[in-house]
C-alpha atoms as a PDB file:
ATOM      1  CA  MET A   1      -5.134   2.659 -27.981  1.00  0.00           C
ATOM      2  CA  LEU A   2      -2.330   2.512 -25.415  1.00  0.00           C
ATOM      3  CA  GLN A   3      -2.683   4.759 -22.415  1.00  0.00           C
ATOM      4  CA  GLU A   4       0.395   6.836 -21.646  1.00  0.00           C
ATOM      5  CA  ILE A   5       2.138   5.622 -18.488  1.00  0.00           C
ATOM      6  CA  PRO A   6       2.032   8.323 -15.807  1.00  0.00           C
ATOM      7  CA  THR A   7       5.427   9.527 -14.629  1.00  0.00           C
ATOM      8  CA  SER A   8       4.660  11.996 -11.855  1.00  0.00           C
ATOM      9  CA  THR A   9       3.629  11.054  -8.345  1.00  0.00           C
ATOM     10  CA  GLN A  10       0.368  12.989  -8.756  1.00  0.00           C
ATOM     11  CA  ALA A  11      -0.388  11.158 -12.001  1.00  0.00           C
ATOM     12  CA  LEU A  12       0.286   7.822 -10.309  1.00  0.00           C
ATOM     13  CA  ARG A  13      -2.206   8.681  -7.574  1.00  0.00           C
ATOM     14  CA  GLU A  14      -4.864   9.689 -10.104  1.00  0.00           C
ATOM     15  CA  ALA A  15      -4.294   6.578 -12.250  1.00  0.00           C
ATOM     16  CA  ARG A  16      -4.790   4.052  -9.473  1.00  0.00           C
ATOM     17  CA  PRO A  17      -7.459   1.515 -10.253  1.00  0.00           C
ATOM     18  CA  CYS A  18     -10.440   1.201  -7.953  1.00  0.00           C
ATOM     19  CA  VAL A  19     -10.521  -2.588  -7.913  1.00  0.00           C
ATOM     20  CA  LEU A  20      -8.318  -5.568  -8.826  1.00  0.00           C
ATOM     21  CA  GLU A  21      -9.861  -9.020  -8.914  1.00  0.00           C
ATOM     22  CA  THR A  22      -8.161 -12.398  -8.697  1.00  0.00           C
ATOM     23  CA  GLU A  23      -9.579 -15.905  -8.570  1.00  0.00           C
ATOM     24  CA  ARG A  24     -10.481 -15.643  -4.871  1.00  0.00           C
ATOM     25  CA  LEU A  25      -9.817 -12.055  -3.870  1.00  0.00           C
ATOM     26  CA  THR A  26     -10.978  -8.508  -4.426  1.00  0.00           C
ATOM     27  CA  LEU A  27      -8.425  -5.746  -3.907  1.00  0.00           C
ATOM     28  CA  ARG A  28      -9.787  -2.237  -3.468  1.00  0.00           C
ATOM     29  CA  LYS A  29      -8.858   1.078  -1.923  1.00  0.00           C
ATOM     30  CA  PRO A  30      -9.562   1.119   1.830  1.00  0.00           C
ATOM     31  CA  GLY A  31     -12.103   3.624   3.115  1.00  0.00           C
ATOM     32  CA  LEU A  32     -13.314   4.944   6.440  1.00  0.00           C
ATOM     33  CA  ALA A  33     -15.914   2.164   6.576  1.00  0.00           C
ATOM     34  CA  ASP A  34     -12.986  -0.292   6.809  1.00  0.00           C
ATOM     35  CA  VAL A  35     -11.304   1.304   9.843  1.00  0.00           C
ATOM     36  CA  LYS A  36     -12.754  -1.119  12.398  1.00  0.00           C
ATOM     37  CA  ALA A  37     -11.861  -4.195  10.329  1.00  0.00           C
ATOM     38  CA  ILE A  38      -8.317  -2.955   9.621  1.00  0.00           C
ATOM     39  CA  ALA A  39      -7.734  -2.214  13.309  1.00  0.00           C
ATOM     40  CA  CYS A  40      -9.009  -5.657  14.331  1.00  0.00           C
ATOM     41  CA  LEU A  41      -6.741  -7.402  11.825  1.00  0.00           C
ATOM     42  CA  ALA A  42      -3.635  -5.314  12.546  1.00  0.00           C
ATOM     43  CA  ASN A  43      -3.906  -5.215  16.339  1.00  0.00           C
ATOM     44  CA  ASP A  44      -1.955  -8.423  16.840  1.00  0.00           C
ATOM     45  CA  ARG A  45       1.682  -8.480  17.879  1.00  0.00           C
ATOM     46  CA  ARG A  46       2.352 -11.395  15.493  1.00  0.00           C
ATOM     47  CA  VAL A  47       1.266  -9.210  12.563  1.00  0.00           C
ATOM     48  CA  ALA A  48       2.854  -5.923  13.638  1.00  0.00           C
ATOM     49  CA  GLU A  49       6.259  -7.405  14.419  1.00  0.00           C
ATOM     50  CA  MET A  50       6.569  -8.767  10.872  1.00  0.00           C
ATOM     51  CA  THR A  51       5.980  -5.352   9.272  1.00  0.00           C
ATOM     52  CA  ARG A  52       8.110  -2.239   9.241  1.00  0.00           C
ATOM     53  CA  ARG A  53       5.522   0.429  10.019  1.00  0.00           C
ATOM     54  CA  LEU A  54       2.615  -1.049  11.978  1.00  0.00           C
ATOM     55  CA  PRO A  55       2.679   0.049  15.607  1.00  0.00           C
ATOM     56  CA  PHE A  56       1.533  -2.225  18.387  1.00  0.00           C
ATOM     57  CA  PRO A  57      -0.999  -1.904  19.812  1.00  0.00           C
ATOM     58  CA  TYR A  58      -2.799  -0.811  16.637  1.00  0.00           C
ATOM     59  CA  THR A  59      -5.906   1.243  17.377  1.00  0.00           C
ATOM     60  CA  ARG A  60      -8.869   2.493  15.370  1.00  0.00           C
ATOM     61  CA  ASP A  61      -7.213   5.922  15.418  1.00  0.00           C
ATOM     62  CA  ASP A  62      -4.162   4.374  13.745  1.00  0.00           C
ATOM     63  CA  ALA A  63      -6.385   2.770  11.107  1.00  0.00           C
ATOM     64  CA  ALA A  64      -8.301   6.013  10.525  1.00  0.00           C
ATOM     65  CA  ARG A  65      -5.042   7.947  10.133  1.00  0.00           C
ATOM     66  CA  PHE A  66      -3.773   5.314   7.677  1.00  0.00           C
ATOM     67  CA  VAL A  67      -6.935   5.492   5.548  1.00  0.00           C
ATOM     68  CA  THR A  68      -7.249   9.290   5.527  1.00  0.00           C
ATOM     69  CA  THR A  69      -3.618   9.897   4.567  1.00  0.00           C
ATOM     70  CA  LEU A  70      -3.489   7.441   1.650  1.00  0.00           C
ATOM     71  CA  GLY A  71      -4.018  10.150  -0.958  1.00  0.00           C
ATOM     72  CA  GLN A  72      -1.076  12.135   0.411  1.00  0.00           C
ATOM     73  CA  SER A  73       1.544   9.423  -0.015  1.00  0.00           C
ATOM     74  CA  ASP A  74       3.507   7.841  -2.850  1.00  0.00           C
ATOM     75  CA  GLU A  75       1.740   4.533  -2.285  1.00  0.00           C
ATOM     76  CA  THR A  76      -0.815   2.400  -4.081  1.00  0.00           C
ATOM     77  CA  VAL A  77      -2.654   0.523  -1.310  1.00  0.00           C
ATOM     78  CA  PHE A  78      -5.383  -2.093  -1.479  1.00  0.00           C
ATOM     79  CA  LEU A  79      -7.584  -3.710   1.135  1.00  0.00           C
ATOM     80  CA  ILE A  80      -7.610  -7.459   0.442  1.00  0.00           C
ATOM     81  CA  GLU A  81     -11.043  -9.076   0.668  1.00  0.00           C
ATOM     82  CA  ALA A  82     -11.919 -12.779   0.527  1.00  0.00           C
ATOM     83  CA  ASP A  83     -15.633 -13.606   0.339  1.00  0.00           C
ATOM     84  CA  ASP A  84     -16.374  -9.913   0.997  1.00  0.00           C
ATOM     85  CA  GLU A  85     -14.432 -10.050   4.275  1.00  0.00           C
ATOM     86  CA  PRO A  86     -11.308  -7.906   4.824  1.00  0.00           C
ATOM     87  CA  VAL A  87      -8.257 -10.124   5.375  1.00  0.00           C
ATOM     88  CA  GLY A  88      -5.290  -7.746   5.043  1.00  0.00           C
ATOM     89  CA  ILE A  89      -3.466  -5.048   3.091  1.00  0.00           C
ATOM     90  CA  VAL A  90      -1.167  -5.102   0.055  1.00  0.00           C
ATOM     91  CA  GLY A  91       0.503  -2.229  -1.731  1.00  0.00           C
ATOM     92  CA  LEU A  92       3.422  -0.578  -3.453  1.00  0.00           C
ATOM     93  CA  ASP A  93       5.520   2.332  -2.215  1.00  0.00           C
ATOM     94  CA  TRP A  94       6.469   4.392  -5.296  1.00  0.00           C
ATOM     95  CA  SER A  95       9.108   6.559  -3.606  1.00  0.00           C
ATOM     96  CA  ASP A  96      11.515   5.079  -6.169  1.00  0.00           C
ATOM     97  CA  ARG A  97       9.515   5.228  -9.413  1.00  0.00           C
ATOM     98  CA  ASP A  98      11.675   2.623 -11.181  1.00  0.00           C
ATOM     99  CA  ALA A  99      11.782   0.191  -8.251  1.00  0.00           C
ATOM    100  CA  PRO A 100       8.654   0.375  -6.094  1.00  0.00           C
ATOM    101  CA  ALA A 101       8.631  -1.581  -2.839  1.00  0.00           C
ATOM    102  CA  LEU A 102       6.018  -4.283  -2.342  1.00  0.00           C
ATOM    103  CA  GLY A 103       4.486  -4.710   1.098  1.00  0.00           C
ATOM    104  CA  TYR A 104       1.671  -6.818   2.513  1.00  0.00           C
ATOM    105  CA  TRP A 105       0.231  -8.212   5.716  1.00  0.00           C
ATOM    106  CA  LEU A 106      -2.693 -10.451   6.623  1.00  0.00           C
ATOM    107  CA  GLY A 107      -4.674 -10.955   9.804  1.00  0.00           C
ATOM    108  CA  VAL A 108      -3.423 -14.039  11.647  1.00  0.00           C
ATOM    109  CA  GLN A 109      -6.652 -15.964  11.112  1.00  0.00           C
ATOM    110  CA  HIS A 110      -6.066 -15.716   7.354  1.00  0.00           C
ATOM    111  CA  TRP A 111      -2.486 -17.011   7.283  1.00  0.00           C
ATOM    112  CA  GLY A 112      -1.777 -20.180   5.345  1.00  0.00           C
ATOM    113  CA  ASN A 113      -4.494 -19.760   2.696  1.00  0.00           C
ATOM    114  CA  GLY A 114      -2.282 -18.439  -0.110  1.00  0.00           C
ATOM    115  CA  TYR A 115      -3.969 -15.020   0.002  1.00  0.00           C
ATOM    116  CA  ALA A 116      -0.715 -13.068   0.333  1.00  0.00           C
ATOM    117  CA  THR A 117       0.767 -14.717  -2.768  1.00  0.00           C
ATOM    118  CA  GLU A 118      -2.411 -14.192  -4.790  1.00  0.00           C
ATOM    119  CA  ALA A 119      -2.713 -10.539  -3.758  1.00  0.00           C
ATOM    120  CA  ALA A 120       0.992  -9.864  -4.311  1.00  0.00           C
ATOM    121  CA  ARG A 121       0.829 -11.302  -7.844  1.00  0.00           C
ATOM    122  CA  ALA A 122      -2.084  -9.012  -8.723  1.00  0.00           C
ATOM    123  CA  VAL A 123      -0.195  -5.940  -7.509  1.00  0.00           C
ATOM    124  CA  ILE A 124       2.994  -7.068  -9.276  1.00  0.00           C
ATOM    125  CA  ASP A 125       1.052  -7.368 -12.533  1.00  0.00           C
ATOM    126  CA  LEU A 126      -0.277  -3.843 -11.977  1.00  0.00           C
ATOM    127  CA  ALA A 127       3.219  -2.471 -11.386  1.00  0.00           C
ATOM    128  CA  PHE A 128       4.730  -4.023 -14.504  1.00  0.00           C
ATOM    129  CA  GLU A 129       1.796  -3.980 -16.943  1.00  0.00           C
ATOM    130  CA  ASP A 130       0.118  -0.687 -16.083  1.00  0.00           C
ATOM    131  CA  ARG A 131       2.726   1.398 -14.290  1.00  0.00           C
ATOM    132  CA  GLY A 132       5.894   0.574 -16.223  1.00  0.00           C
ATOM    133  CA  ALA A 133       8.063  -0.415 -13.261  1.00  0.00           C
ATOM    134  CA  LYS A 134      11.467  -1.832 -14.214  1.00  0.00           C
ATOM    135  CA  GLN A 135      11.817  -3.862 -11.040  1.00  0.00           C
ATOM    136  CA  ILE A 136      10.109  -4.338  -7.681  1.00  0.00           C
ATOM    137  CA  VAL A 137      11.877  -4.681  -4.353  1.00  0.00           C
ATOM    138  CA  ALA A 138      10.614  -6.323  -1.171  1.00  0.00           C
ATOM    139  CA  SER A 139      11.871  -7.539   2.175  1.00  0.00           C
ATOM    140  CA  ALA A 140      10.937  -9.988   4.916  1.00  0.00           C
ATOM    141  CA  ARG A 141      12.284 -10.415   8.406  1.00  0.00           C
ATOM    142  CA  VAL A 142      14.769 -13.278   8.559  1.00  0.00           C
ATOM    143  CA  ILE A 143      12.525 -14.914  11.178  1.00  0.00           C
ATOM    144  CA  ASN A 144       9.541 -14.846   8.778  1.00  0.00           C
ATOM    145  CA  PRO A 145       9.906 -17.830   6.398  1.00  0.00           C
ATOM    146  CA  ALA A 146       6.245 -17.606   5.334  1.00  0.00           C
ATOM    147  CA  SER A 147       6.764 -14.115   3.888  1.00  0.00           C
ATOM    148  CA  ARG A 148      10.005 -15.137   2.190  1.00  0.00           C
ATOM    149  CA  ASN A 149       8.102 -18.057   0.665  1.00  0.00           C
ATOM    150  CA  VAL A 150       5.474 -15.665  -0.733  1.00  0.00           C
ATOM    151  CA  LEU A 151       8.171 -13.580  -2.393  1.00  0.00           C
ATOM    152  CA  GLU A 152       9.956 -16.598  -3.835  1.00  0.00           C
ATOM    153  CA  LYS A 153       6.685 -17.990  -5.252  1.00  0.00           C
ATOM    154  CA  CYS A 154       6.184 -14.638  -6.976  1.00  0.00           C
ATOM    155  CA  GLY A 155       9.631 -14.899  -8.613  1.00  0.00           C
ATOM    156  CA  PHE A 156      11.622 -12.564  -6.362  1.00  0.00           C
ATOM    157  CA  GLN A 157      15.326 -13.261  -6.051  1.00  0.00           C
ATOM    158  CA  TRP A 158      17.283 -12.802  -2.839  1.00  0.00           C
ATOM    159  CA  THR A 159      19.767  -9.906  -2.900  1.00  0.00           C
ATOM    160  CA  GLY A 160      21.157  -9.891   0.631  1.00  0.00           C
ATOM    161  CA  VAL A 161      20.465  -8.970   4.248  1.00  0.00           C
ATOM    162  CA  GLU A 162      19.985  -5.461   5.634  1.00  0.00           C
ATOM    163  CA  LEU A 163      18.917  -3.926   8.929  1.00  0.00           C
ATOM    164  CA  HIS A 164      15.475  -2.269   8.862  1.00  0.00           C
ATOM    165  CA  ARG A 165      13.697  -0.522  11.697  1.00  0.00           C
ATOM    166  CA  VAL A 166      10.499  -2.223  12.858  1.00  0.00           C
ATOM    167  CA  GLU A 167       8.142   0.141  14.668  1.00  0.00           C
ATOM    168  CA  ALA A 168       6.364  -2.539  16.722  1.00  0.00           C
ATOM    169  CA  ILE A 169       9.622  -3.623  18.375  1.00  0.00           C
ATOM    170  CA  ALA A 170      11.171  -0.119  18.400  1.00  0.00           C
ATOM    171  CA  SER A 171      14.406  -1.502  17.065  1.00  0.00           C
ATOM    172  CA  SER A 172      16.272  -2.475  13.916  1.00  0.00           C
ATOM    173  CA  THR A 173      16.295  -6.099  12.861  1.00  0.00           C
ATOM    174  CA  PRO A 174      17.789  -8.156  10.011  1.00  0.00           C
ATOM    175  CA  VAL A 175      15.652  -8.565   6.903  1.00  0.00           C
ATOM    176  CA  ASP A 176      16.137 -10.581   3.751  1.00  0.00           C
ATOM    177  CA  CYS A 177      15.967  -8.303   0.709  1.00  0.00           C
ATOM    178  CA  PHE A 178      14.556  -9.369  -2.649  1.00  0.00           C
ATOM    179  CA  ARG A 179      14.193  -8.029  -6.178  1.00  0.00           C
ATOM    180  CA  LEU A 180      11.932  -8.991  -9.082  1.00  0.00           C
ATOM    181  CA  THR A 181      12.898  -7.631 -12.492  1.00  0.00           C
ATOM    182  CA  ARG A 182      10.569  -7.117 -15.409  1.00  0.00           C
ATOM    183  CA  GLY A 183      12.518  -9.749 -17.393  1.00  0.00           C
ATOM    184  CA  VAL A 184      12.114 -12.466 -14.761  1.00  0.00           C
ATOM    185  CA  TRP A 185       8.439 -11.590 -14.338  1.00  0.00           C
ATOM    186  CA  SER A 186       7.851 -11.774 -18.124  1.00  0.00           C
ATOM    187  CA  SER A 187       9.576 -15.167 -18.296  1.00  0.00           C
ATOM    188  CA  LEU A 188       7.496 -16.530 -15.422  1.00  0.00           C
ATOM    189  CA  LYS A 189       4.270 -15.254 -16.993  1.00  0.00           C
ATOM    190  CA  SER A 190       5.170 -16.879 -20.342  1.00  0.00           C
ATOM    191  CA  TRP A 191       6.107 -20.167 -18.673  1.00  0.00           C
ATOM    192  CA  SER A 192       2.888 -20.171 -16.668  1.00  0.00           C
ATOM    193  CA  ALA A 193       0.779 -19.458 -19.777  1.00  0.00           C
ATOM    194  CA  THR A 194       2.551 -22.292 -21.651  1.00  0.00           C
ATOM    195  CA  ARG A 195       1.835 -24.757 -18.851  1.00  0.00           C
ATOM    196  CA  ARG A 196      -1.831 -23.753 -18.741  1.00  0.00           C
ATOM    197  CA  GLY A 197      -2.057 -24.290 -22.503  1.00  0.00           C
ATOM    198  CA  ARG A 198      -0.918 -27.920 -22.294  1.00  0.00           C
END
């Protein structure tokens, strides 16, 4: 039996899964027990300056505020764990129900392992398969080729450059904007399944 896709913000919050699992990662809702780990990972200028909303320095109070306000926002947020160790955050902002915005960040010591791509793909699958999104948008600072590479590996297509405010630098900066449509995602999933079947 097919479950009806929730359409209201409240229904989206209630329908969030507790856990997503990939080959190497576990994605789950962050809790107060994760505050110290989140603060340690996020309190690095190299991380904060590549995100829109992370302040720098990033304190335990910031992490506690982030965790305790999750249920009050239009976001689906997951703590990314590898080998039971927190490595970063991934999520979707559902302010635009038909085009949620994907966001992610990893602690510096976990860069270069493919975790961001793996976590992003799991959340993209959730958005299209379980939440009925028509497209997903994302952005990366123009000076962040690693993040652009993650988006491109997930099938996102470049749509242009915009100025976005980055809290850690207290200024606006150019970002590359991307979009992934349901059609492109479906094609990539079919192609990937065909290749695995060979």
